[in-house]
Amino acid sequence: MESDRGVHRVLVCDDTASIRHLIRINLELEGHHVEEAASVRQALARLEDPDRPLPDVLLLDAHMAPLDGWWLISELRSRPELDDLPVILVSAALHGLDHGHAQAAGFDAVLAKPFDPDDLLDLVSSVAASGRGVREGQ
């Protein structure tokens, strides 16, 4: 299905399979190409693979074990080859999160769970198209 939002490569990193599946379905219905990672280690291995292009955007859950999204964003922003990758923080724990803290950590946008599918699609397209710069989702 063609979209006026554009088609992008998206990597979804969340330790909950049902959340990855929900995000994948919503994005694929819009025509995006989606890959999944169940852990920070899997996501980093995918991003370090020289034989695969970087995704246009990474959707990253903040709270995973043993390494979490806060660790990965720090790692990405410390590497020149990965520093330009747009990253959206997706988390159920955003109610107490200071968006300034997310921006300072290197996230480009934040999206609270549960989210409206249209908000997800709009935010992914906006961040993928424009790159770095924090925006707030629903």
N, C-alpha and C. Protein backbone atom coordinates (compact mmCIF):
# COMPACT_ATOMS: atom_id res chain seq x y z
N MET A 1 0.83 -1.17 0.00
CA MET A 1 0.00 0.00 0.00
C MET A 1 0.88 1.24 0.00
N GLU A 2 0.69 2.13 -0.95
CA GLU A 2 1.43 3.37 -1.07
C GLU A 2 0.92 4.37 -0.04
N SER A 3 1.78 5.23 0.43
CA SER A 3 1.40 6.21 1.44
C SER A 3 1.95 7.57 1.08
N ASP A 4 1.21 8.62 1.43
CA ASP A 4 1.72 9.96 1.25
C ASP A 4 2.73 10.30 2.33
N ARG A 5 2.89 9.44 3.32
CA ARG A 5 3.85 9.67 4.39
C ARG A 5 5.25 9.22 3.98
N GLY A 6 5.37 8.48 2.90
CA GLY A 6 6.66 7.94 2.48
C GLY A 6 6.88 6.55 3.07
N VAL A 7 7.77 5.82 2.43
CA VAL A 7 8.09 4.46 2.87
C VAL A 7 9.49 4.47 3.45
N HIS A 8 9.65 3.89 4.63
CA HIS A 8 10.93 3.93 5.32
C HIS A 8 11.31 2.56 5.87
N ARG A 9 12.61 2.40 6.11
CA ARG A 9 13.14 1.22 6.80
C ARG A 9 13.13 1.52 8.29
N VAL A 10 12.50 0.64 9.07
CA VAL A 10 12.34 0.87 10.50
C VAL A 10 12.83 -0.35 11.27
N LEU A 11 13.62 -0.11 12.29
CA LEU A 11 14.03 -1.15 13.23
C LEU A 11 13.28 -0.91 14.52
N VAL A 12 12.57 -1.94 15.00
CA VAL A 12 11.80 -1.87 16.24
C VAL A 12 12.51 -2.72 17.29
N CYS A 13 12.92 -2.09 18.39
CA CYS A 13 13.58 -2.80 19.47
C CYS A 13 12.72 -2.71 20.73
N ASP A 14 12.14 -3.83 21.10
CA ASP A 14 11.31 -3.92 22.29
C ASP A 14 11.38 -5.36 22.78
N ASP A 15 11.45 -5.56 24.08
CA ASP A 15 11.56 -6.92 24.60
C ASP A 15 10.21 -7.63 24.71
N THR A 16 9.12 -6.96 24.37
CA THR A 16 7.80 -7.57 24.40
C THR A 16 7.36 -7.88 22.97
N ALA A 17 7.23 -9.18 22.68
CA ALA A 17 6.90 -9.62 21.32
C ALA A 17 5.59 -9.03 20.82
N SER A 18 4.59 -8.93 21.69
CA SER A 18 3.29 -8.41 21.23
C SER A 18 3.39 -6.93 20.84
N ILE A 19 4.22 -6.17 21.51
CA ILE A 19 4.41 -4.76 21.16
C ILE A 19 5.13 -4.66 19.82
N ARG A 20 6.19 -5.46 19.65
CA ARG A 20 6.89 -5.46 18.35
C ARG A 20 5.93 -5.81 17.23
N HIS A 21 5.10 -6.81 17.46
CA HIS A 21 4.14 -7.26 16.45
C HIS A 21 3.13 -6.15 16.12
N LEU A 22 2.61 -5.50 17.13
CA LEU A 22 1.64 -4.42 16.94
C LEU A 22 2.26 -3.28 16.13
N ILE A 23 3.46 -2.88 16.49
CA ILE A 23 4.13 -1.81 15.75
C ILE A 23 4.41 -2.26 14.32
N ARG A 24 4.90 -3.49 14.15
CA ARG A 24 5.20 -4.02 12.82
C ARG A 24 3.96 -3.98 11.93
N ILE A 25 2.84 -4.47 12.42
CA ILE A 25 1.61 -4.51 11.61
C ILE A 25 1.21 -3.11 11.17
N ASN A 26 1.20 -2.18 12.12
CA ASN A 26 0.81 -0.81 11.78
C ASN A 26 1.74 -0.20 10.74
N LEU A 27 3.03 -0.41 10.89
CA LEU A 27 3.98 0.17 9.95
C LEU A 27 3.94 -0.53 8.59
N GLU A 28 3.84 -1.86 8.59
CA GLU A 28 3.81 -2.58 7.32
C GLU A 28 2.53 -2.30 6.53
N LEU A 29 1.42 -2.09 7.21
CA LEU A 29 0.19 -1.73 6.50
C LEU A 29 0.34 -0.41 5.76
N GLU A 30 1.23 0.42 6.23
CA GLU A 30 1.50 1.71 5.60
C GLU A 30 2.60 1.59 4.54
N GLY A 31 3.19 0.40 4.41
CA GLY A 31 4.19 0.16 3.38
C GLY A 31 5.63 0.21 3.85
N HIS A 32 5.85 0.47 5.15
CA HIS A 32 7.21 0.54 5.67
C HIS A 32 7.83 -0.85 5.72
N HIS A 33 9.16 -0.90 5.66
CA HIS A 33 9.91 -2.14 5.78
C HIS A 33 10.38 -2.23 7.23
N VAL A 34 9.97 -3.27 7.93
CA VAL A 34 10.20 -3.35 9.38
C VAL A 34 11.06 -4.56 9.72
N GLU A 35 12.03 -4.32 10.59
CA GLU A 35 12.82 -5.39 11.20
C GLU A 35 12.61 -5.29 12.71
N GLU A 36 12.78 -6.42 13.39
CA GLU A 36 12.57 -6.46 14.83
C GLU A 36 13.84 -6.90 15.55
N ALA A 37 14.01 -6.36 16.75
CA ALA A 37 15.06 -6.80 17.66
C ALA A 37 14.41 -6.96 19.03
N ALA A 38 14.65 -8.10 19.68
CA ALA A 38 14.04 -8.37 20.97
C ALA A 38 14.91 -7.88 22.13
N SER A 39 16.09 -7.37 21.81
CA SER A 39 16.98 -6.87 22.87
C SER A 39 17.88 -5.78 22.30
N VAL A 40 18.49 -5.06 23.20
CA VAL A 40 19.44 -4.03 22.82
C VAL A 40 20.62 -4.66 22.08
N ARG A 41 21.07 -5.80 22.54
CA ARG A 41 22.20 -6.49 21.88
C ARG A 41 21.85 -6.85 20.44
N GLN A 42 20.63 -7.36 20.21
CA GLN A 42 20.20 -7.69 18.84
C GLN A 42 20.14 -6.43 17.97
N ALA A 43 19.61 -5.36 18.52
CA ALA A 43 19.51 -4.12 17.75
C ALA A 43 20.90 -3.61 17.39
N LEU A 44 21.82 -3.60 18.34
CA LEU A 44 23.16 -3.11 18.07
C LEU A 44 23.87 -3.98 17.04
N ALA A 45 23.72 -5.30 17.14
CA ALA A 45 24.32 -6.20 16.15
C ALA A 45 23.77 -5.89 14.75
N ARG A 46 22.47 -5.64 14.66
CA ARG A 46 21.87 -5.30 13.37
C ARG A 46 22.42 -3.98 12.84
N LEU A 47 22.55 -2.99 13.71
CA LEU A 47 23.05 -1.68 13.29
C LEU A 47 24.53 -1.71 12.91
N GLU A 48 25.28 -2.64 13.49
CA GLU A 48 26.71 -2.76 13.19
C GLU A 48 27.00 -3.61 11.96
N ASP A 49 26.00 -4.26 11.40
CA ASP A 49 26.20 -5.15 10.25
C ASP A 49 26.54 -4.32 9.01
N PRO A 50 27.77 -4.43 8.52
CA PRO A 50 28.19 -3.60 7.38
C PRO A 50 27.51 -3.99 6.06
N ASP A 51 26.92 -5.16 6.01
CA ASP A 51 26.28 -5.62 4.78
C ASP A 51 24.82 -5.20 4.66
N ARG A 52 24.30 -4.49 5.65
CA ARG A 52 22.90 -4.07 5.63
C ARG A 52 22.82 -2.57 5.83
N PRO A 53 21.95 -1.92 5.07
CA PRO A 53 21.81 -0.47 5.24
C PRO A 53 21.20 -0.14 6.59
N LEU A 54 21.59 1.02 7.11
CA LEU A 54 20.99 1.46 8.36
C LEU A 54 19.51 1.74 8.14
N PRO A 55 18.70 1.52 9.16
CA PRO A 55 17.29 1.90 9.03
C PRO A 55 17.17 3.41 8.97
N ASP A 56 16.02 3.88 8.53
CA ASP A 56 15.75 5.32 8.50
C ASP A 56 15.40 5.83 9.90
N VAL A 57 14.90 4.93 10.73
CA VAL A 57 14.54 5.30 12.10
C VAL A 57 14.54 4.04 12.97
N LEU A 58 14.90 4.24 14.24
CA LEU A 58 14.87 3.17 15.24
C LEU A 58 13.81 3.52 16.27
N LEU A 59 12.88 2.58 16.51
CA LEU A 59 11.90 2.70 17.59
C LEU A 59 12.46 1.90 18.75
N LEU A 60 12.67 2.54 19.88
CA LEU A 60 13.41 1.93 20.97
C LEU A 60 12.65 2.03 22.29
N ASP A 61 12.39 0.88 22.89
CA ASP A 61 11.78 0.84 24.22
C ASP A 61 12.85 1.21 25.25
N ALA A 62 12.48 2.00 26.23
CA ALA A 62 13.44 2.46 27.23
C ALA A 62 13.78 1.39 28.25
N HIS A 63 12.80 0.57 28.64
CA HIS A 63 12.99 -0.33 29.77
C HIS A 63 13.06 -1.79 29.34
N MET A 64 14.30 -2.27 29.21
CA MET A 64 14.57 -3.67 28.87
C MET A 64 15.71 -4.14 29.76
N ALA A 65 15.85 -5.44 29.86
CA ALA A 65 16.94 -5.99 30.66
C ALA A 65 17.74 -6.98 29.81
N PRO A 66 19.01 -7.15 30.05
CA PRO A 66 19.82 -6.47 31.06
C PRO A 66 20.26 -5.06 30.63
N LEU A 67 20.37 -4.82 29.33
CA LEU A 67 20.70 -3.48 28.84
C LEU A 67 19.41 -2.81 28.40
N ASP A 68 19.30 -1.51 28.63
CA ASP A 68 18.06 -0.83 28.28
C ASP A 68 18.26 0.20 27.17
N GLY A 69 17.16 0.83 26.79
CA GLY A 69 17.20 1.81 25.72
C GLY A 69 18.05 3.02 26.04
N TRP A 70 18.12 3.37 27.33
CA TRP A 70 18.96 4.50 27.74
C TRP A 70 20.43 4.18 27.51
N TRP A 71 20.81 2.93 27.74
CA TRP A 71 22.19 2.51 27.47
C TRP A 71 22.45 2.58 25.96
N LEU A 72 21.51 2.06 25.16
CA LEU A 72 21.73 2.02 23.72
C LEU A 72 21.80 3.41 23.11
N ILE A 73 20.94 4.33 23.54
CA ILE A 73 21.00 5.67 22.96
C ILE A 73 22.34 6.32 23.28
N SER A 74 22.86 6.10 24.47
CA SER A 74 24.18 6.62 24.82
C SER A 74 25.25 6.02 23.91
N GLU A 75 25.16 4.73 23.67
CA GLU A 75 26.11 4.03 22.81
C GLU A 75 26.04 4.57 21.37
N LEU A 76 24.82 4.73 20.86
CA LEU A 76 24.65 5.23 19.49
C LEU A 76 25.21 6.63 19.33
N ARG A 77 24.92 7.49 20.30
CA ARG A 77 25.34 8.89 20.19
C ARG A 77 26.84 9.06 20.39
N SER A 78 27.52 8.03 20.92
CA SER A 78 28.98 8.09 21.10
C SER A 78 29.73 7.60 19.87
N ARG A 79 29.01 7.07 18.88
CA ARG A 79 29.65 6.51 17.69
C ARG A 79 29.35 7.39 16.47
N PRO A 80 30.37 7.94 15.85
CA PRO A 80 30.15 8.81 14.69
C PRO A 80 29.35 8.14 13.57
N GLU A 81 29.54 6.86 13.36
CA GLU A 81 28.84 6.17 12.26
C GLU A 81 27.36 5.91 12.57
N LEU A 82 26.96 6.05 13.83
CA LEU A 82 25.56 5.81 14.21
C LEU A 82 24.90 7.03 14.84
N ASP A 83 25.65 8.09 15.03
CA ASP A 83 25.14 9.28 15.72
C ASP A 83 23.99 9.95 14.97
N ASP A 84 23.96 9.85 13.66
CA ASP A 84 22.91 10.51 12.88
C ASP A 84 21.62 9.70 12.78
N LEU A 85 21.60 8.49 13.30
CA LEU A 85 20.41 7.65 13.22
C LEU A 85 19.29 8.23 14.08
N PRO A 86 18.15 8.58 13.49
CA PRO A 86 17.02 9.08 14.28
C PRO A 86 16.45 7.96 15.17
N VAL A 87 16.19 8.28 16.43
CA VAL A 87 15.69 7.30 17.39
C VAL A 87 14.47 7.86 18.11
N ILE A 88 13.40 7.06 18.11
CA ILE A 88 12.17 7.41 18.81
C ILE A 88 12.07 6.55 20.07
N LEU A 89 11.92 7.20 21.21
CA LEU A 89 11.70 6.51 22.47
C LEU A 89 10.23 6.12 22.54
N VAL A 90 9.95 4.83 22.72
CA VAL A 90 8.58 4.34 22.85
C VAL A 90 8.50 3.63 24.20
N SER A 91 7.65 4.16 25.10
CA SER A 91 7.62 3.60 26.44
C SER A 91 6.31 3.87 27.14
N ALA A 92 5.92 2.93 27.98
CA ALA A 92 4.73 3.11 28.81
C ALA A 92 5.03 3.98 30.01
N ALA A 93 6.28 4.24 30.28
CA ALA A 93 6.67 4.98 31.47
C ALA A 93 6.94 6.45 31.20
N LEU A 94 6.33 7.00 30.17
CA LEU A 94 6.59 8.40 29.83
C LEU A 94 5.89 9.40 30.72
N HIS A 95 4.92 8.96 31.51
CA HIS A 95 4.17 9.91 32.33
C HIS A 95 5.08 10.74 33.23
N GLY A 96 6.14 10.16 33.73
CA GLY A 96 7.05 10.89 34.59
C GLY A 96 8.32 11.33 33.89
N LEU A 97 8.40 11.05 32.59
CA LEU A 97 9.62 11.35 31.86
C LEU A 97 9.67 12.82 31.46
N ASP A 98 10.75 13.45 31.75
CA ASP A 98 10.99 14.81 31.31
C ASP A 98 11.48 14.74 29.86
N HIS A 99 10.71 15.35 28.95
CA HIS A 99 11.08 15.29 27.53
C HIS A 99 12.45 15.92 27.30
N GLY A 100 12.82 16.88 28.14
CA GLY A 100 14.15 17.47 28.05
C GLY A 100 15.23 16.45 28.35
N HIS A 101 14.94 15.54 29.28
CA HIS A 101 15.89 14.47 29.62
C HIS A 101 16.06 13.55 28.42
N ALA A 102 14.95 13.21 27.74
CA ALA A 102 15.03 12.36 26.55
C ALA A 102 15.84 13.04 25.46
N GLN A 103 15.60 14.33 25.26
CA GLN A 103 16.35 15.08 24.25
C GLN A 103 17.83 15.12 24.61
N ALA A 104 18.13 15.39 25.86
CA ALA A 104 19.52 15.45 26.30
C ALA A 104 20.22 14.11 26.13
N ALA A 105 19.48 13.03 26.28
CA ALA A 105 20.05 11.69 26.12
C ALA A 105 20.30 11.36 24.65
N GLY A 106 19.63 12.08 23.74
CA GLY A 106 19.86 11.84 22.32
C GLY A 106 18.67 11.31 21.56
N PHE A 107 17.52 11.16 22.22
CA PHE A 107 16.32 10.72 21.51
C PHE A 107 15.81 11.87 20.64
N ASP A 108 15.25 11.54 19.50
CA ASP A 108 14.74 12.53 18.56
C ASP A 108 13.26 12.77 18.69
N ALA A 109 12.56 11.85 19.32
CA ALA A 109 11.12 11.97 19.54
C ALA A 109 10.73 10.98 20.61
N VAL A 110 9.57 11.21 21.21
CA VAL A 110 9.05 10.29 22.21
C VAL A 110 7.60 9.97 21.89
N LEU A 111 7.22 8.73 22.16
CA LEU A 111 5.86 8.26 21.93
C LEU A 111 5.46 7.37 23.09
N ALA A 112 4.36 7.72 23.76
CA ALA A 112 3.90 6.96 24.91
C ALA A 112 3.02 5.79 24.48
N LYS A 113 3.20 4.66 25.16
CA LYS A 113 2.29 3.53 25.02
C LYS A 113 1.17 3.73 26.04
N PRO A 114 -0.06 3.43 25.72
CA PRO A 114 -0.54 3.03 24.39
C PRO A 114 -0.56 4.23 23.46
N PHE A 115 -0.43 3.97 22.17
CA PHE A 115 -0.38 5.04 21.19
C PHE A 115 -1.46 4.82 20.15
N ASP A 116 -1.86 5.90 19.52
CA ASP A 116 -2.78 5.84 18.41
C ASP A 116 -1.95 5.46 17.17
N PRO A 117 -2.41 4.48 16.37
CA PRO A 117 -1.64 4.08 15.19
C PRO A 117 -1.31 5.23 14.25
N ASP A 118 -2.22 6.18 14.09
CA ASP A 118 -1.93 7.32 13.22
C ASP A 118 -0.81 8.18 13.80
N ASP A 119 -0.76 8.32 15.12
CA ASP A 119 0.32 9.07 15.74
C ASP A 119 1.66 8.37 15.51
N LEU A 120 1.67 7.05 15.63
CA LEU A 120 2.87 6.26 15.37
C LEU A 120 3.34 6.49 13.94
N LEU A 121 2.43 6.35 12.99
CA LEU A 121 2.79 6.49 11.58
C LEU A 121 3.28 7.89 11.26
N ASP A 122 2.59 8.89 11.77
CA ASP A 122 3.00 10.28 11.51
C ASP A 122 4.37 10.57 12.11
N LEU A 123 4.62 10.10 13.33
CA LEU A 123 5.88 10.37 13.99
C LEU A 123 7.04 9.66 13.29
N VAL A 124 6.84 8.39 12.92
CA VAL A 124 7.89 7.65 12.21
C VAL A 124 8.22 8.35 10.90
N SER A 125 7.20 8.74 10.14
CA SER A 125 7.44 9.40 8.87
C SER A 125 8.13 10.75 9.04
N SER A 126 7.69 11.51 10.03
CA SER A 126 8.27 12.82 10.28
C SER A 126 9.73 12.71 10.69
N VAL A 127 10.03 11.82 11.62
CA VAL A 127 11.39 11.67 12.11
C VAL A 127 12.29 11.09 11.01
N ALA A 128 11.81 10.10 10.29
CA ALA A 128 12.62 9.50 9.22
C ALA A 128 12.92 10.52 8.13
N ALA A 129 11.96 11.36 7.81
CA ALA A 129 12.13 12.33 6.73
C ALA A 129 13.01 13.51 7.15
N SER A 130 12.88 13.96 8.41
CA SER A 130 13.60 15.17 8.80
C SER A 130 14.83 14.90 9.66
N GLY A 131 14.98 13.68 10.16
CA GLY A 131 16.17 13.37 10.94
C GLY A 131 16.09 13.84 12.38
N ARG A 132 17.24 14.23 12.91
CA ARG A 132 17.38 14.53 14.33
C ARG A 132 16.60 15.77 14.76
N GLY A 133 16.01 15.74 15.97
CA GLY A 133 15.28 16.87 16.55
C GLY A 133 14.06 16.37 17.31
N VAL A 134 13.95 16.67 18.59
CA VAL A 134 12.91 16.07 19.43
C VAL A 134 11.52 16.60 19.13
N ARG A 135 10.56 15.65 19.05
CA ARG A 135 9.14 15.95 18.89
C ARG A 135 8.40 15.11 19.93
N GLU A 136 7.26 15.57 20.34
CA GLU A 136 6.45 14.82 21.30
C GLU A 136 5.33 14.12 20.58
N GLY A 137 5.11 12.84 20.91
CA GLY A 137 3.96 12.10 20.39
C GLY A 137 2.86 12.11 21.42
N GLN A 138 1.88 11.28 21.21
CA GLN A 138 0.74 11.20 22.12
C GLN A 138 1.11 10.39 23.34
